[in-house]
Amino acid sequence: MKLPDELMFASDAEMAVITGGAFLLLAIGCLLMERRRVRRAAIDRVGWVPWTGLFLMCMIVAGGLIALGLPAWIAGR
């Protein structure tokens, strides 16, 4: 599989921000799934996926990657 040149020649800071953005999208998806689980019609049907824990984990990883990568990416290093 051929990667686009923007990803192949991206700096470490840029890759950290991109990965942080992907984790942020995953966290938003987890948040929506938790909201869907809470608003279900059949209250006795309990799900097995810990959406809140996954949301928190993804947000912490996304925040860390973006916080560490964004300053260097803006500075152009």
PDB file of N, CA and C in Angstrom:
ATOM      1  N   MET A   1       0.839  -1.171   0.000  1.00  0.00           N
ATOM      2  CA  MET A   1       0.000   0.000   0.000  1.00  0.00           C
ATOM      3  C   MET A   1       0.890   1.243   0.000  1.00  0.00           C
ATOM      4  N   LYS A   2       0.604   2.145  -0.905  1.00  0.00           N
ATOM      5  CA  LYS A   2       1.403   3.360  -1.023  1.00  0.00           C
ATOM      6  C   LYS A   2       0.783   4.457  -0.161  1.00  0.00           C
ATOM      7  N   LEU A   3       1.597   5.006   0.742  1.00  0.00           N
ATOM      8  CA  LEU A   3       1.144   6.098   1.596  1.00  0.00           C
ATOM      9  C   LEU A   3       1.250   7.424   0.861  1.00  0.00           C
ATOM     10  N   PRO A   4       0.357   8.366   1.159  1.00  0.00           N
ATOM     11  CA  PRO A   4       0.501   9.712   0.588  1.00  0.00           C
ATOM     12  C   PRO A   4       1.794  10.357   1.079  1.00  0.00           C
ATOM     13  N   ASP A   5       2.362  11.230   0.270  1.00  0.00           N
ATOM     14  CA  ASP A   5       3.620  11.882   0.623  1.00  0.00           C
ATOM     15  C   ASP A   5       3.512  12.696   1.909  1.00  0.00           C
ATOM     16  N   GLU A   6       2.320  13.256   2.198  1.00  0.00           N
ATOM     17  CA  GLU A   6       2.142  14.045   3.416  1.00  0.00           C
ATOM     18  C   GLU A   6       2.337  13.179   4.662  1.00  0.00           C
ATOM     19  N   LEU A   7       1.937  11.916   4.602  1.00  0.00           N
ATOM     20  CA  LEU A   7       2.122  11.026   5.748  1.00  0.00           C
ATOM     21  C   LEU A   7       3.504  10.396   5.759  1.00  0.00           C
ATOM     22  N   MET A   8       4.041  10.092   4.579  1.00  0.00           N
ATOM     23  CA  MET A   8       5.336   9.432   4.523  1.00  0.00           C
ATOM     24  C   MET A   8       6.454  10.340   5.033  1.00  0.00           C
ATOM     25  N   PHE A   9       6.357  11.625   4.742  1.00  0.00           N
ATOM     26  CA  PHE A   9       7.408  12.563   5.128  1.00  0.00           C
ATOM     27  C   PHE A   9       6.994  13.457   6.291  1.00  0.00           C
ATOM     28  N   ALA A  10       6.001  13.041   7.069  1.00  0.00           N
ATOM     29  CA  ALA A  10       5.538  13.832   8.205  1.00  0.00           C
ATOM     30  C   ALA A  10       6.529  13.733   9.360  1.00  0.00           C
ATOM     31  N   SER A  11       6.629  14.804  10.105  1.00  0.00           N
ATOM     32  CA  SER A  11       7.513  14.799  11.276  1.00  0.00           C
ATOM     33  C   SER A  11       6.858  14.012  12.406  1.00  0.00           C
ATOM     34  N   ASP A  12       7.637  13.755  13.450  1.00  0.00           N
ATOM     35  CA  ASP A  12       7.098  13.039  14.599  1.00  0.00           C
ATOM     36  C   ASP A  12       5.991  13.838  15.273  1.00  0.00           C
ATOM     37  N   ALA A  13       6.150  15.141  15.330  1.00  0.00           N
ATOM     38  CA  ALA A  13       5.136  15.989  15.955  1.00  0.00           C
ATOM     39  C   ALA A  13       3.837  15.944  15.149  1.00  0.00           C
ATOM     40  N   GLU A  14       3.951  15.977  13.838  1.00  0.00           N
ATOM     41  CA  GLU A  14       2.759  15.924  12.996  1.00  0.00           C
ATOM     42  C   GLU A  14       2.060  14.574  13.126  1.00  0.00           C
ATOM     43  N   MET A  15       2.829  13.499  13.215  1.00  0.00           N
ATOM     44  CA  MET A  15       2.232  12.177  13.387  1.00  0.00           C
ATOM     45  C   MET A  15       1.547  12.057  14.748  1.00  0.00           C
ATOM     46  N   ALA A  16       2.111  12.696  15.774  1.00  0.00           N
ATOM     47  CA  ALA A  16       1.482  12.680  17.099  1.00  0.00           C
ATOM     48  C   ALA A  16       0.153  13.418  17.069  1.00  0.00           C
ATOM     49  N   VAL A  17       0.097  14.551  16.385  1.00  0.00           N
ATOM     50  CA  VAL A  17      -1.151  15.315  16.299  1.00  0.00           C
ATOM     51  C   VAL A  17      -2.191  14.544  15.490  1.00  0.00           C
ATOM     52  N   ILE A  18      -1.777  13.908  14.412  1.00  0.00           N
ATOM     53  CA  ILE A  18      -2.715  13.119  13.597  1.00  0.00           C
ATOM     54  C   ILE A  18      -3.257  11.941  14.400  1.00  0.00           C
ATOM     55  N   THR A  19      -2.379  11.258  15.125  1.00  0.00           N
ATOM     56  CA  THR A  19      -2.819  10.132  15.942  1.00  0.00           C
ATOM     57  C   THR A  19      -3.726  10.614  17.073  1.00  0.00           C
ATOM     58  N   GLY A  20      -3.401  11.753  17.663  1.00  0.00           N
ATOM     59  CA  GLY A  20      -4.260  12.331  18.693  1.00  0.00           C
ATOM     60  C   GLY A  20      -5.636  12.683  18.151  1.00  0.00           C
ATOM     61  N   GLY A  21      -5.683  13.181  16.926  1.00  0.00           N
ATOM     62  CA  GLY A  21      -6.971  13.469  16.292  1.00  0.00           C
ATOM     63  C   GLY A  21      -7.785  12.208  16.054  1.00  0.00           C
ATOM     64  N   ALA A  22      -7.107  11.124  15.683  1.00  0.00           N
ATOM     65  CA  ALA A  22      -7.808   9.848  15.494  1.00  0.00           C
ATOM     66  C   ALA A  22      -8.368   9.342  16.822  1.00  0.00           C
ATOM     67  N   PHE A  23      -7.592   9.477  17.904  1.00  0.00           N
ATOM     68  CA  PHE A  23      -8.093   9.078  19.211  1.00  0.00           C
ATOM     69  C   PHE A  23      -9.233   9.985  19.661  1.00  0.00           C
ATOM     70  N   LEU A  24      -9.195  11.250  19.284  1.00  0.00           N
ATOM     71  CA  LEU A  24     -10.281  12.167  19.619  1.00  0.00           C
ATOM     72  C   LEU A  24     -11.575  11.750  18.911  1.00  0.00           C
ATOM     73  N   LEU A  25     -11.472  11.361  17.646  1.00  0.00           N
ATOM     74  CA  LEU A  25     -12.652  10.872  16.918  1.00  0.00           C
ATOM     75  C   LEU A  25     -13.181   9.586  17.537  1.00  0.00           C
ATOM     76  N   LEU A  26     -12.283   8.711  17.956  1.00  0.00           N
ATOM     77  CA  LEU A  26     -12.696   7.474  18.611  1.00  0.00           C
ATOM     78  C   LEU A  26     -13.391   7.774  19.937  1.00  0.00           C
ATOM     79  N   ALA A  27     -12.901   8.753  20.670  1.00  0.00           N
ATOM     80  CA  ALA A  27     -13.529   9.140  21.937  1.00  0.00           C
ATOM     81  C   ALA A  27     -14.923   9.703  21.709  1.00  0.00           C
ATOM     82  N   ILE A  28     -15.093  10.490  20.660  1.00  0.00           N
ATOM     83  CA  ILE A  28     -16.422  11.021  20.340  1.00  0.00           C
ATOM     84  C   ILE A  28     -17.372   9.888  19.995  1.00  0.00           C
ATOM     85  N   GLY A  29     -16.871   8.894  19.265  1.00  0.00           N
ATOM     86  CA  GLY A  29     -17.690   7.717  18.959  1.00  0.00           C
ATOM     87  C   GLY A  29     -18.097   6.961  20.219  1.00  0.00           C
ATOM     88  N   CYS A  30     -17.178   6.819  21.166  1.00  0.00           N
ATOM     89  CA  CYS A  30     -17.491   6.155  22.435  1.00  0.00           C
ATOM     90  C   CYS A  30     -18.523   6.946  23.220  1.00  0.00           C
ATOM     91  N   LEU A  31     -18.403   8.265  23.194  1.00  0.00           N
ATOM     92  CA  LEU A  31     -19.366   9.115  23.888  1.00  0.00           C
ATOM     93  C   LEU A  31     -20.766   8.947  23.297  1.00  0.00           C
ATOM     94  N   LEU A  32     -20.849   8.891  21.980  1.00  0.00           N
ATOM     95  CA  LEU A  32     -22.152   8.698  21.333  1.00  0.00           C
ATOM     96  C   LEU A  32     -22.736   7.325  21.632  1.00  0.00           C
ATOM     97  N   MET A  33     -21.906   6.302  21.683  1.00  0.00           N
ATOM     98  CA  MET A  33     -22.402   4.963  21.985  1.00  0.00           C
ATOM     99  C   MET A  33     -22.874   4.862  23.434  1.00  0.00           C
ATOM    100  N   GLU A  34     -22.198   5.530  24.357  1.00  0.00           N
ATOM    101  CA  GLU A  34     -22.656   5.548  25.752  1.00  0.00           C
ATOM    102  C   GLU A  34     -23.990   6.269  25.864  1.00  0.00           C
ATOM    103  N   ARG A  35     -24.136   7.344  25.138  1.00  0.00           N
ATOM    104  CA  ARG A  35     -25.403   8.076  25.153  1.00  0.00           C
ATOM    105  C   ARG A  35     -26.534   7.213  24.584  1.00  0.00           C
ATOM    106  N   ARG A  36     -26.216   6.455  23.525  1.00  0.00           N
ATOM    107  CA  ARG A  36     -27.206   5.549  22.934  1.00  0.00           C
ATOM    108  C   ARG A  36     -27.587   4.448  23.918  1.00  0.00           C
ATOM    109  N   ARG A  37     -26.597   3.933  24.665  1.00  0.00           N
ATOM    110  CA  ARG A  37     -26.863   2.863  25.631  1.00  0.00           C
ATOM    111  C   ARG A  37     -27.746   3.362  26.773  1.00  0.00           C
ATOM    112  N   VAL A  38     -27.512   4.586  27.223  1.00  0.00           N
ATOM    113  CA  VAL A  38     -28.294   5.134  28.330  1.00  0.00           C
ATOM    114  C   VAL A  38     -29.736   5.392  27.912  1.00  0.00           C
ATOM    115  N   ARG A  39     -29.958   5.765  26.678  1.00  0.00           N
ATOM    116  CA  ARG A  39     -31.302   6.110  26.212  1.00  0.00           C
ATOM    117  C   ARG A  39     -32.051   4.936  25.578  1.00  0.00           C
ATOM    118  N   ARG A  40     -31.608   3.710  25.798  1.00  0.00           N
ATOM    119  CA  ARG A  40     -32.268   2.563  25.168  1.00  0.00           C
ATOM    120  C   ARG A  40     -33.671   2.373  25.732  1.00  0.00           C
ATOM    121  N   ALA A  41     -34.518   1.731  24.938  1.00  0.00           N
ATOM    122  CA  ALA A  41     -35.915   1.537  25.331  1.00  0.00           C
ATOM    123  C   ALA A  41     -36.048   0.409  26.354  1.00  0.00           C
ATOM    124  N   ALA A  42     -35.331  -0.685  26.150  1.00  0.00           N
ATOM    125  CA  ALA A  42     -35.411  -1.828  27.073  1.00  0.00           C
ATOM    126  C   ALA A  42     -34.328  -1.666  28.137  1.00  0.00           C
ATOM    127  N   ILE A  43     -34.713  -1.206  29.304  1.00  0.00           N
ATOM    128  CA  ILE A  43     -33.754  -0.883  30.356  1.00  0.00           C
ATOM    129  C   ILE A  43     -33.069  -2.139  30.909  1.00  0.00           C
ATOM    130  N   ASP A  44     -33.679  -3.295  30.756  1.00  0.00           N
ATOM    131  CA  ASP A  44     -33.101  -4.513  31.307  1.00  0.00           C
ATOM    132  C   ASP A  44     -32.054  -5.148  30.382  1.00  0.00           C
ATOM    133  N   ARG A  45     -31.866  -4.624  29.199  1.00  0.00           N
ATOM    134  CA  ARG A  45     -30.830  -5.136  28.294  1.00  0.00           C
ATOM    135  C   ARG A  45     -29.534  -4.382  28.582  1.00  0.00           C
ATOM    136  N   VAL A  46     -28.649  -5.020  29.296  1.00  0.00           N
ATOM    137  CA  VAL A  46     -27.405  -4.386  29.718  1.00  0.00           C
ATOM    138  C   VAL A  46     -26.318  -4.713  28.703  1.00  0.00           C
ATOM    139  N   GLY A  47     -25.582  -3.707  28.270  1.00  0.00           N
ATOM    140  CA  GLY A  47     -24.477  -3.919  27.340  1.00  0.00           C
ATOM    141  C   GLY A  47     -23.223  -4.360  28.072  1.00  0.00           C
ATOM    142  N   TRP A  48     -22.269  -4.872  27.315  1.00  0.00           N
ATOM    143  CA  TRP A  48     -21.045  -5.380  27.941  1.00  0.00           C
ATOM    144  C   TRP A  48     -19.833  -4.506  27.657  1.00  0.00           C
ATOM    145  N   VAL A  49     -19.962  -3.494  26.816  1.00  0.00           N
ATOM    146  CA  VAL A  49     -18.823  -2.632  26.479  1.00  0.00           C
ATOM    147  C   VAL A  49     -18.771  -1.459  27.459  1.00  0.00           C
ATOM    148  N   PRO A  50     -17.633  -1.251  28.111  1.00  0.00           N
ATOM    149  CA  PRO A  50     -17.512  -0.124  29.053  1.00  0.00           C
ATOM    150  C   PRO A  50     -17.219   1.181  28.307  1.00  0.00           C
ATOM    151  N   TRP A  51     -18.246   1.789  27.743  1.00  0.00           N
ATOM    152  CA  TRP A  51     -18.064   2.965  26.889  1.00  0.00           C
ATOM    153  C   TRP A  51     -17.465   4.139  27.647  1.00  0.00           C
ATOM    154  N   THR A  52     -17.836   4.326  28.893  1.00  0.00           N
ATOM    155  CA  THR A  52     -17.309   5.455  29.658  1.00  0.00           C
ATOM    156  C   THR A  52     -15.811   5.313  29.883  1.00  0.00           C
ATOM    157  N   GLY A  53     -15.369   4.117  30.229  1.00  0.00           N
ATOM    158  CA  GLY A  53     -13.938   3.877  30.417  1.00  0.00           C
ATOM    159  C   GLY A  53     -13.153   4.034  29.128  1.00  0.00           C
ATOM    160  N   LEU A  54     -13.710   3.547  28.025  1.00  0.00           N
ATOM    161  CA  LEU A  54     -13.049   3.714  26.728  1.00  0.00           C
ATOM    162  C   LEU A  54     -12.984   5.189  26.329  1.00  0.00           C
ATOM    163  N   PHE A  55     -14.061   5.925  26.607  1.00  0.00           N
ATOM    164  CA  PHE A  55     -14.075   7.353  26.318  1.00  0.00           C
ATOM    165  C   PHE A  55     -12.980   8.078  27.094  1.00  0.00           C
ATOM    166  N   LEU A  56     -12.879   7.795  28.384  1.00  0.00           N
ATOM    167  CA  LEU A  56     -11.866   8.460  29.206  1.00  0.00           C
ATOM    168  C   LEU A  56     -10.454   8.110  28.755  1.00  0.00           C
ATOM    169  N   MET A  57     -10.220   6.835  28.448  1.00  0.00           N
ATOM    170  CA  MET A  57      -8.897   6.420  28.001  1.00  0.00           C
ATOM    171  C   MET A  57      -8.527   7.108  26.680  1.00  0.00           C
ATOM    172  N   CYS A  58      -9.456   7.138  25.737  1.00  0.00           N
ATOM    173  CA  CYS A  58      -9.181   7.772  24.446  1.00  0.00           C
ATOM    174  C   CYS A  58      -8.967   9.268  24.580  1.00  0.00           C
ATOM    175  N   MET A  59      -9.723   9.924  25.461  1.00  0.00           N
ATOM    176  CA  MET A  59      -9.549  11.362  25.658  1.00  0.00           C
ATOM    177  C   MET A  59      -8.203  11.683  26.301  1.00  0.00           C
ATOM    178  N   ILE A  60      -7.767  10.857  27.247  1.00  0.00           N
ATOM    179  CA  ILE A  60      -6.474  11.094  27.889  1.00  0.00           C
ATOM    180  C   ILE A  60      -5.343  10.912  26.886  1.00  0.00           C
ATOM    181  N   VAL A  61      -5.420   9.851  26.086  1.00  0.00           N
ATOM    182  CA  VAL A  61      -4.381   9.613  25.074  1.00  0.00           C
ATOM    183  C   VAL A  61      -4.393  10.729  24.035  1.00  0.00           C
ATOM    184  N   ALA A  62      -5.590  11.118  23.567  1.00  0.00           N
ATOM    185  CA  ALA A  62      -5.697  12.179  22.565  1.00  0.00           C
ATOM    186  C   ALA A  62      -5.176  13.500  23.109  1.00  0.00           C
ATOM    187  N   GLY A  63      -5.549  13.840  24.318  1.00  0.00           N
ATOM    188  CA  GLY A  63      -5.086  15.091  24.912  1.00  0.00           C
ATOM    189  C   GLY A  63      -3.579  15.113  25.083  1.00  0.00           C
ATOM    190  N   GLY A  64      -3.018  14.006  25.514  1.00  0.00           N
ATOM    191  CA  GLY A  64      -1.566  13.935  25.681  1.00  0.00           C
ATOM    192  C   GLY A  64      -0.818  14.050  24.368  1.00  0.00           C
ATOM    193  N   LEU A  65      -1.273  13.324  23.355  1.00  0.00           N
ATOM    194  CA  LEU A  65      -0.595  13.378  22.059  1.00  0.00           C
ATOM    195  C   LEU A  65      -0.703  14.762  21.427  1.00  0.00           C
ATOM    196  N   ILE A  66      -1.875  15.348  21.501  1.00  0.00           N
ATOM    197  CA  ILE A  66      -2.056  16.674  20.901  1.00  0.00           C
ATOM    198  C   ILE A  66      -1.271  17.726  21.683  1.00  0.00           C
ATOM    199  N   ALA A  67      -1.282  17.626  23.004  1.00  0.00           N
ATOM    200  CA  ALA A  67      -0.558  18.604  23.821  1.00  0.00           C
ATOM    201  C   ALA A  67       0.949  18.518  23.612  1.00  0.00           C
ATOM    202  N   LEU A  68       1.466  17.328  23.377  1.00  0.00           N
ATOM    203  CA  LEU A  68       2.905  17.186  23.167  1.00  0.00           C
ATOM    204  C   LEU A  68       3.322  17.490  21.727  1.00  0.00           C
ATOM    205  N   GLY A  69       2.468  17.188  20.769  1.00  0.00           N
ATOM    206  CA  GLY A  69       2.843  17.359  19.376  1.00  0.00           C
ATOM    207  C   GLY A  69       2.536  18.711  18.769  1.00  0.00           C
ATOM    208  N   LEU A  70       1.494  19.370  19.252  1.00  0.00           N
ATOM    209  CA  LEU A  70       1.056  20.622  18.639  1.00  0.00           C
ATOM    210  C   LEU A  70       2.084  21.762  18.735  1.00  0.00           C
ATOM    211  N   PRO A  71       2.719  21.993  19.871  1.00  0.00           N
ATOM    212  CA  PRO A  71       3.696  23.097  19.920  1.00  0.00           C
ATOM    213  C   PRO A  71       4.871  22.915  18.950  1.00  0.00           C
ATOM    214  N   ALA A  72       5.383  21.696  18.859  1.00  0.00           N
ATOM    215  CA  ALA A  72       6.492  21.449  17.937  1.00  0.00           C
ATOM    216  C   ALA A  72       6.029  21.515  16.480  1.00  0.00           C
ATOM    217  N   TRP A  73       4.810  21.093  16.225  1.00  0.00           N
ATOM    218  CA  TRP A  73       4.278  21.129  14.857  1.00  0.00           C
ATOM    219  C   TRP A  73       4.056  22.583  14.411  1.00  0.00           C
ATOM    220  N   ILE A  74       3.563  23.415  15.324  1.00  0.00           N
ATOM    221  CA  ILE A  74       3.365  24.832  14.999  1.00  0.00           C
ATOM    222  C   ILE A  74       4.701  25.525  14.793  1.00  0.00           C
ATOM    223  N   ALA A  75       5.694  25.156  15.611  1.00  0.00           N
ATOM    224  CA  ALA A  75       7.019  25.768  15.462  1.00  0.00           C
ATOM    225  C   ALA A  75       7.739  25.297  14.202  1.00  0.00           C
ATOM    226  N   GLY A  76       7.284  24.226  13.604  1.00  0.00           N
ATOM    227  CA  GLY A  76       7.859  23.757  12.354  1.00  0.00           C
ATOM    228  C   GLY A  76       9.057  22.824  12.512  1.00  0.00           C
ATOM    229  N   ARG A  77       9.181  22.172  13.631  1.00  0.00           N
ATOM    230  CA  ARG A  77      10.295  21.251  13.842  1.00  0.00           C
ATOM    231  C   ARG A  77       9.966  19.861  13.439  1.00  0.00           C
TER     232      ARG A  77
END
